[in-house]
Amino acid sequence: HVRGSLDRSITALISADDGHATEVLMDVHADPK
């Protein structure tokens, strides 16, 4: 396979709604080459 390159990728899982839900924040910059 072609080896891709990752500049950055961040995923945050944050408890929400008094623990009943989870907020998801994502930031990605990738190069599949």
All heavy atoms as atom14 arrays in JSON, in Angstrom:
{
  "sequence": "HVRGSLDRSITALISADDGHATEVLMDVHADPK",
  "atom14_mask": [
    [1, 1, 1, 1, 1, 1, 1, 1, 1, 1, 0, 0, 0, 0],
    [1, 1, 1, 1, 1, 1, 1, 0, 0, 0, 0, 0, 0, 0],
    [1, 1, 1, 1, 1, 1, 1, 1, 1, 1, 1, 0, 0, 0],
    [1, 1, 1, 1, 0, 0, 0, 0, 0, 0, 0, 0, 0, 0],
    [1, 1, 1, 1, 1, 1, 0, 0, 0, 0, 0, 0, 0, 0],
    [1, 1, 1, 1, 1, 1, 1, 1, 0, 0, 0, 0, 0, 0],
    [1, 1, 1, 1, 1, 1, 1, 1, 0, 0, 0, 0, 0, 0],
    [1, 1, 1, 1, 1, 1, 1, 1, 1, 1, 1, 0, 0, 0],
    [1, 1, 1, 1, 1, 1, 0, 0, 0, 0, 0, 0, 0, 0],
    [1, 1, 1, 1, 1, 1, 1, 1, 0, 0, 0, 0, 0, 0],
    [1, 1, 1, 1, 1, 1, 1, 0, 0, 0, 0, 0, 0, 0],
    [1, 1, 1, 1, 1, 0, 0, 0, 0, 0, 0, 0, 0, 0],
    [1, 1, 1, 1, 1, 1, 1, 1, 0, 0, 0, 0, 0, 0],
    [1, 1, 1, 1, 1, 1, 1, 1, 0, 0, 0, 0, 0, 0],
    [1, 1, 1, 1, 1, 1, 0, 0, 0, 0, 0, 0, 0, 0],
    [1, 1, 1, 1, 1, 0, 0, 0, 0, 0, 0, 0, 0, 0],
    [1, 1, 1, 1, 1, 1, 1, 1, 0, 0, 0, 0, 0, 0],
    [1, 1, 1, 1, 1, 1, 1, 1, 0, 0, 0, 0, 0, 0],
    [1, 1, 1, 1, 0, 0, 0, 0, 0, 0, 0, 0, 0, 0],
    [1, 1, 1, 1, 1, 1, 1, 1, 1, 1, 0, 0, 0, 0],
    [1, 1, 1, 1, 1, 0, 0, 0, 0, 0, 0, 0, 0, 0],
    [1, 1, 1, 1, 1, 1, 1, 0, 0, 0, 0, 0, 0, 0],
    [1, 1, 1, 1, 1, 1, 1, 1, 1, 0, 0, 0, 0, 0],
    [1, 1, 1, 1, 1, 1, 1, 0, 0, 0, 0, 0, 0, 0],
    [1, 1, 1, 1, 1, 1, 1, 1, 0, 0, 0, 0, 0, 0],
    [1, 1, 1, 1, 1, 1, 1, 1, 0, 0, 0, 0, 0, 0],
    [1, 1, 1, 1, 1, 1, 1, 1, 0, 0, 0, 0, 0, 0],
    [1, 1, 1, 1, 1, 1, 1, 0, 0, 0, 0, 0, 0, 0],
    [1, 1, 1, 1, 1, 1, 1, 1, 1, 1, 0, 0, 0, 0],
    [1, 1, 1, 1, 1, 0, 0, 0, 0, 0, 0, 0, 0, 0],
    [1, 1, 1, 1, 1, 1, 1, 1, 0, 0, 0, 0, 0, 0],
    [1, 1, 1, 1, 1, 1, 1, 0, 0, 0, 0, 0, 0, 0],
    [1, 1, 1, 1, 1, 1, 1, 1, 1, 0, 0, 0, 0, 0]
  ],
  "atom14_positions": [
    [[0.83, -1.21, 0.0], [0.0, 0.0, 0.0], [0.87, 1.26, 0.0], [2.03, 1.24, 0.39], [-0.91, 0.01, 1.22], [-1.69, -1.25, 1.42], [-2.47, -1.79, 0.42], [-1.78, -2.1, 2.49], [-3.02, -2.91, 0.85], [-2.63, -3.11, 2.1], [0.0, 0.0, 0.0], [0.0, 0.0, 0.0], [0.0, 0.0, 0.0], [0.0, 0.0, 0.0]],
    [[0.26, 2.38, -0.43], [0.95, 3.67, -0.36], [0.89, 4.16, 1.08], [-0.16, 4.2, 1.7], [0.28, 4.69, -1.3], [0.93, 6.07, -1.14], [0.36, 4.23, -2.75], [0.0, 0.0, 0.0], [0.0, 0.0, 0.0], [0.0, 0.0, 0.0], [0.0, 0.0, 0.0], [0.0, 0.0, 0.0], [0.0, 0.0, 0.0], [0.0, 0.0, 0.0]],
    [[2.05, 4.52, 1.63], [2.11, 4.98, 3.02], [1.75, 6.46, 3.09], [2.46, 7.31, 2.55], [3.5, 4.72, 3.59], [3.75, 5.16, 5.03], [2.85, 4.48, 6.04], [2.76, 3.03, 5.96], [3.58, 2.18, 6.58], [4.56, 2.64, 7.34], [3.4, 0.87, 6.46], [0.0, 0.0, 0.0], [0.0, 0.0, 0.0], [0.0, 0.0, 0.0]],
    [[0.65, 6.77, 3.74], [0.21, 8.14, 3.88], [1.0, 8.89, 4.94], [1.72, 8.29, 5.75], [0.0, 0.0, 0.0], [0.0, 0.0, 0.0], [0.0, 0.0, 0.0], [0.0, 0.0, 0.0], [0.0, 0.0, 0.0], [0.0, 0.0, 0.0], [0.0, 0.0, 0.0], [0.0, 0.0, 0.0], [0.0, 0.0, 0.0], [0.0, 0.0, 0.0]],
    [[0.85, 10.2, 4.94], [1.56, 11.06, 5.87], [0.55, 11.83, 6.72], [-0.48, 12.29, 6.21], [2.45, 12.04, 5.1], [3.06, 12.97, 5.97], [0.0, 0.0, 0.0], [0.0, 0.0, 0.0], [0.0, 0.0, 0.0], [0.0, 0.0, 0.0], [0.0, 0.0, 0.0], [0.0, 0.0, 0.0], [0.0, 0.0, 0.0], [0.0, 0.0, 0.0]],
    [[0.84, 11.98, 7.99], [-0.06, 12.67, 8.91], [0.64, 13.87, 9.5], [1.63, 13.73, 10.23], [-0.51, 11.71, 10.02], [-1.57, 12.23, 10.98], [-2.9, 12.39, 10.26], [-1.72, 11.28, 12.16], [0.0, 0.0, 0.0], [0.0, 0.0, 0.0], [0.0, 0.0, 0.0], [0.0, 0.0, 0.0], [0.0, 0.0, 0.0], [0.0, 0.0, 0.0]],
    [[0.13, 15.07, 9.19], [0.67, 16.27, 9.8], [0.19, 16.37, 11.24], [0.96, 16.6, 12.16], [0.24, 17.5, 9.0], [0.72, 18.8, 9.63], [1.88, 18.82, 10.11], [-0.04, 19.77, 9.66], [0.0, 0.0, 0.0], [0.0, 0.0, 0.0], [0.0, 0.0, 0.0], [0.0, 0.0, 0.0], [0.0, 0.0, 0.0], [0.0, 0.0, 0.0]],
    [[-1.12, 16.17, 11.43], [-1.67, 16.12, 12.79], [-3.06, 15.51, 12.74], [-3.77, 15.6, 11.73], [-1.75, 17.51, 13.44], [-2.81, 18.41, 12.83], [-2.95, 19.73, 13.57], [-4.0, 20.54, 12.97], [-3.83, 21.31, 11.9], [-2.64, 21.4, 11.32], [-4.84, 22.02, 11.42], [0.0, 0.0, 0.0], [0.0, 0.0, 0.0], [0.0, 0.0, 0.0]],
    [[-3.45, 14.89, 13.83], [-4.81, 14.4, 14.01], [-5.08, 14.35, 15.5], [-4.34, 13.71, 16.25], [-4.99, 13.02, 13.38], [-6.32, 12.56, 13.57], [0.0, 0.0, 0.0], [0.0, 0.0, 0.0], [0.0, 0.0, 0.0], [0.0, 0.0, 0.0], [0.0, 0.0, 0.0], [0.0, 0.0, 0.0], [0.0, 0.0, 0.0], [0.0, 0.0, 0.0]],
    [[-6.12, 15.04, 15.93], [-6.46, 15.12, 17.35], [-7.95, 14.84, 17.5], [-8.77, 15.42, 16.78], [-6.13, 16.5, 17.94], [-4.67, 16.87, 17.7], [-6.44, 16.53, 19.44], [-4.34, 18.32, 18.04], [0.0, 0.0, 0.0], [0.0, 0.0, 0.0], [0.0, 0.0, 0.0], [0.0, 0.0, 0.0], [0.0, 0.0, 0.0], [0.0, 0.0, 0.0]],
    [[-8.29, 13.96, 18.42], [-9.69, 13.7, 18.75], [-9.89, 13.86, 20.24], [-9.2, 13.22, 21.04], [-10.12, 12.28, 18.33], [-9.96, 12.13, 16.92], [-11.58, 12.03, 18.69], [0.0, 0.0, 0.0], [0.0, 0.0, 0.0], [0.0, 0.0, 0.0], [0.0, 0.0, 0.0], [0.0, 0.0, 0.0], [0.0, 0.0, 0.0], [0.0, 0.0, 0.0]],
    [[-10.81, 14.74, 20.62], [-11.13, 14.95, 22.02], [-12.54, 14.44, 22.3], [-13.48, 14.75, 21.56], [-11.04, 16.43, 22.38], [0.0, 0.0, 0.0], [0.0, 0.0, 0.0], [0.0, 0.0, 0.0], [0.0, 0.0, 0.0], [0.0, 0.0, 0.0], [0.0, 0.0, 0.0], [0.0, 0.0, 0.0], [0.0, 0.0, 0.0], [0.0, 0.0, 0.0]],
    [[-12.66, 13.64, 23.34], [-13.95, 13.15, 23.82], [-14.2, 13.81, 25.16], [-13.44, 13.61, 26.11], [-13.92, 11.63, 23.97], [-13.53, 10.82, 22.71], [-13.42, 9.35, 23.05], [-14.54, 11.05, 21.59], [0.0, 0.0, 0.0], [0.0, 0.0, 0.0], [0.0, 0.0, 0.0], [0.0, 0.0, 0.0], [0.0, 0.0, 0.0], [0.0, 0.0, 0.0]],
    [[-15.28, 14.6, 25.26], [-15.54, 15.4, 26.45], [-16.91, 15.07, 26.99], [-17.91, 15.14, 26.27], [-15.46, 16.91, 26.11], [-14.11, 17.23, 25.44], [-15.64, 17.75, 27.36], [-14.05, 18.61, 24.82], [0.0, 0.0, 0.0], [0.0, 0.0, 0.0], [0.0, 0.0, 0.0], [0.0, 0.0, 0.0], [0.0, 0.0, 0.0], [0.0, 0.0, 0.0]],
    [[-16.96, 14.7, 28.25], [-18.24, 14.35, 28.87], [-19.19, 15.54, 28.83], [-18.81, 16.69, 29.08], [-18.01, 13.91, 30.32], [-19.22, 13.5, 30.91], [0.0, 0.0, 0.0], [0.0, 0.0, 0.0], [0.0, 0.0, 0.0], [0.0, 0.0, 0.0], [0.0, 0.0, 0.0], [0.0, 0.0, 0.0], [0.0, 0.0, 0.0], [0.0, 0.0, 0.0]],
    [[-20.46, 15.26, 28.49], [-21.48, 16.31, 28.37], [-22.81, 15.81, 28.93], [-22.97, 14.62, 29.19], [-21.64, 16.71, 26.9], [0.0, 0.0, 0.0], [0.0, 0.0, 0.0], [0.0, 0.0, 0.0], [0.0, 0.0, 0.0], [0.0, 0.0, 0.0], [0.0, 0.0, 0.0], [0.0, 0.0, 0.0], [0.0, 0.0, 0.0], [0.0, 0.0, 0.0]],
    [[-23.74, 16.74, 29.11], [-25.09, 16.42, 29.56], [-25.07, 15.58, 30.84], [-25.72, 14.54, 30.93], [-25.86, 15.69, 28.45], [-27.36, 15.58, 28.74], [-27.85, 16.35, 29.58], [-28.0, 14.71, 28.13], [0.0, 0.0, 0.0], [0.0, 0.0, 0.0], [0.0, 0.0, 0.0], [0.0, 0.0, 0.0], [0.0, 0.0, 0.0], [0.0, 0.0, 0.0]],
    [[-24.29, 16.05, 31.82], [-24.2, 15.39, 33.12], [-23.79, 13.92, 33.0], [-24.27, 13.06, 33.73], [-25.53, 15.51, 33.87], [-25.37, 15.21, 35.36], [-24.29, 15.45, 35.91], [-26.35, 14.73, 35.97], [0.0, 0.0, 0.0], [0.0, 0.0, 0.0], [0.0, 0.0, 0.0], [0.0, 0.0, 0.0], [0.0, 0.0, 0.0], [0.0, 0.0, 0.0]],
    [[-22.91, 13.67, 32.04], [-22.37, 12.32, 31.88], [-23.13, 11.41, 30.95], [-22.71, 10.28, 30.69], [0.0, 0.0, 0.0], [0.0, 0.0, 0.0], [0.0, 0.0, 0.0], [0.0, 0.0, 0.0], [0.0, 0.0, 0.0], [0.0, 0.0, 0.0], [0.0, 0.0, 0.0], [0.0, 0.0, 0.0], [0.0, 0.0, 0.0], [0.0, 0.0, 0.0]],
    [[-24.26, 11.89, 30.39], [-25.08, 11.05, 29.53], [-24.67, 11.12, 28.06], [-25.13, 10.3, 27.25], [-26.55, 11.43, 29.67], [-27.09, 11.27, 31.05], [-27.24, 10.03, 31.65], [-27.49, 12.18, 31.98], [-27.73, 10.18, 32.86], [-27.88, 11.48, 33.1], [0.0, 0.0, 0.0], [0.0, 0.0, 0.0], [0.0, 0.0, 0.0], [0.0, 0.0, 0.0]],
    [[-23.86, 12.09, 27.7], [-23.45, 12.27, 26.3], [-21.97, 12.63, 26.25], [-21.33, 12.88, 27.27], [-24.29, 13.36, 25.64], [0.0, 0.0, 0.0], [0.0, 0.0, 0.0], [0.0, 0.0, 0.0], [0.0, 0.0, 0.0], [0.0, 0.0, 0.0], [0.0, 0.0, 0.0], [0.0, 0.0, 0.0], [0.0, 0.0, 0.0], [0.0, 0.0, 0.0]],
    [[-21.44, 12.63, 25.04], [-20.03, 12.96, 24.83], [-19.9, 13.92, 23.66], [-20.4, 13.64, 22.57], [-19.2, 11.7, 24.54], [-19.32, 10.78, 25.64], [-17.73, 12.05, 24.34], [0.0, 0.0, 0.0], [0.0, 0.0, 0.0], [0.0, 0.0, 0.0], [0.0, 0.0, 0.0], [0.0, 0.0, 0.0], [0.0, 0.0, 0.0], [0.0, 0.0, 0.0]],
    [[-19.24, 15.04, 23.89], [-18.93, 15.96, 22.8], [-17.65, 15.48, 22.12], [-16.69, 15.1, 22.79], [-18.73, 17.38, 23.34], [-18.46, 18.4, 22.24], [-18.2, 19.79, 22.78], [-17.87, 19.92, 23.98], [-18.3, 20.75, 22.0], [0.0, 0.0, 0.0], [0.0, 0.0, 0.0], [0.0, 0.0, 0.0], [0.0, 0.0, 0.0], [0.0, 0.0, 0.0]],
    [[-17.67, 15.49, 20.8], [-16.51, 15.05, 20.02], [-15.95, 16.24, 19.25], [-16.68, 16.92, 18.52], [-16.89, 13.93, 19.03], [-15.67, 13.47, 18.25], [-17.54, 12.76, 19.75], [0.0, 0.0, 0.0], [0.0, 0.0, 0.0], [0.0, 0.0, 0.0], [0.0, 0.0, 0.0], [0.0, 0.0, 0.0], [0.0, 0.0, 0.0], [0.0, 0.0, 0.0]],
    [[-14.67, 16.5, 19.44], [-13.96, 17.54, 18.69], [-12.84, 16.87, 17.91], [-12.05, 16.1, 18.48], [-13.37, 18.59, 19.64], [-14.29, 19.23, 20.67], [-13.5, 20.17, 21.58], [-15.43, 19.97, 20.01], [0.0, 0.0, 0.0], [0.0, 0.0, 0.0], [0.0, 0.0, 0.0], [0.0, 0.0, 0.0], [0.0, 0.0, 0.0], [0.0, 0.0, 0.0]],
    [[-12.74, 17.16, 16.63], [-11.72, 16.55, 15.79], [-11.0, 17.6, 14.96], [-11.62, 18.55, 14.47], [-12.35, 15.51, 14.84], [-13.11, 14.39, 15.52], [-13.82, 13.24, 14.32], [-12.31, 12.6, 13.56], [0.0, 0.0, 0.0], [0.0, 0.0, 0.0], [0.0, 0.0, 0.0], [0.0, 0.0, 0.0], [0.0, 0.0, 0.0], [0.0, 0.0, 0.0]],
    [[-9.7, 17.39, 14.77], [-8.88, 18.26, 13.92], [-7.89, 17.37, 13.19], [-7.13, 16.63, 13.83], [-8.16, 19.3, 14.79], [-7.24, 20.22, 13.98], [-7.2, 20.1, 12.74], [-6.56, 21.06, 14.6], [0.0, 0.0, 0.0], [0.0, 0.0, 0.0], [0.0, 0.0, 0.0], [0.0, 0.0, 0.0], [0.0, 0.0, 0.0], [0.0, 0.0, 0.0]],
    [[-7.92, 17.4, 11.86], [-7.04, 16.51, 11.1], [-6.48, 17.22, 9.87], [-7.17, 17.99, 9.2], [-7.78, 15.21, 10.69], [-8.96, 15.52, 9.79], [-6.83, 14.22, 10.02], [0.0, 0.0, 0.0], [0.0, 0.0, 0.0], [0.0, 0.0, 0.0], [0.0, 0.0, 0.0], [0.0, 0.0, 0.0], [0.0, 0.0, 0.0], [0.0, 0.0, 0.0]],
    [[-5.19, 16.96, 9.62], [-4.54, 17.41, 8.38], [-3.65, 16.26, 7.93], [-2.62, 15.98, 8.55], [-3.72, 18.68, 8.61], [-3.12, 19.21, 7.34], [-1.8, 19.55, 7.22], [-3.69, 19.46, 6.12], [-1.56, 20.0, 6.0], [-2.69, 19.95, 5.32], [0.0, 0.0, 0.0], [0.0, 0.0, 0.0], [0.0, 0.0, 0.0], [0.0, 0.0, 0.0]],
    [[-4.08, 15.58, 6.87], [-3.38, 14.36, 6.43], [-3.14, 14.42, 4.93], [-3.88, 15.08, 4.18], [-4.19, 13.12, 6.78], [0.0, 0.0, 0.0], [0.0, 0.0, 0.0], [0.0, 0.0, 0.0], [0.0, 0.0, 0.0], [0.0, 0.0, 0.0], [0.0, 0.0, 0.0], [0.0, 0.0, 0.0], [0.0, 0.0, 0.0], [0.0, 0.0, 0.0]],
    [[-2.11, 13.7, 4.49], [-1.76, 13.62, 3.08], [-1.7, 12.14, 2.7], [-0.83, 11.41, 3.18], [-0.41, 14.29, 2.84], [-0.03, 14.33, 1.37], [-0.7, 13.68, 0.55], [0.96, 15.01, 1.03], [0.0, 0.0, 0.0], [0.0, 0.0, 0.0], [0.0, 0.0, 0.0], [0.0, 0.0, 0.0], [0.0, 0.0, 0.0], [0.0, 0.0, 0.0]],
    [[-2.6, 11.67, 1.84], [-2.57, 10.26, 1.45], [-1.42, 9.91, 0.51], [-1.24, 8.73, 0.19], [-3.92, 10.08, 0.75], [-4.24, 11.42, 0.2], [-3.71, 12.41, 1.21], [0.0, 0.0, 0.0], [0.0, 0.0, 0.0], [0.0, 0.0, 0.0], [0.0, 0.0, 0.0], [0.0, 0.0, 0.0], [0.0, 0.0, 0.0], [0.0, 0.0, 0.0]],
    [[-0.69, 10.91, 0.08], [0.46, 10.72, -0.81], [0.01, 10.1, -2.14], [-1.16, 10.01, -2.44], [1.55, 9.88, -0.14], [2.17, 10.56, 1.07], [2.88, 11.83, 0.69], [3.62, 12.46, 1.84], [4.33, 13.7, 1.45], [0.0, 0.0, 0.0], [0.0, 0.0, 0.0], [0.0, 0.0, 0.0], [0.0, 0.0, 0.0], [0.0, 0.0, 0.0]]
  ]
}
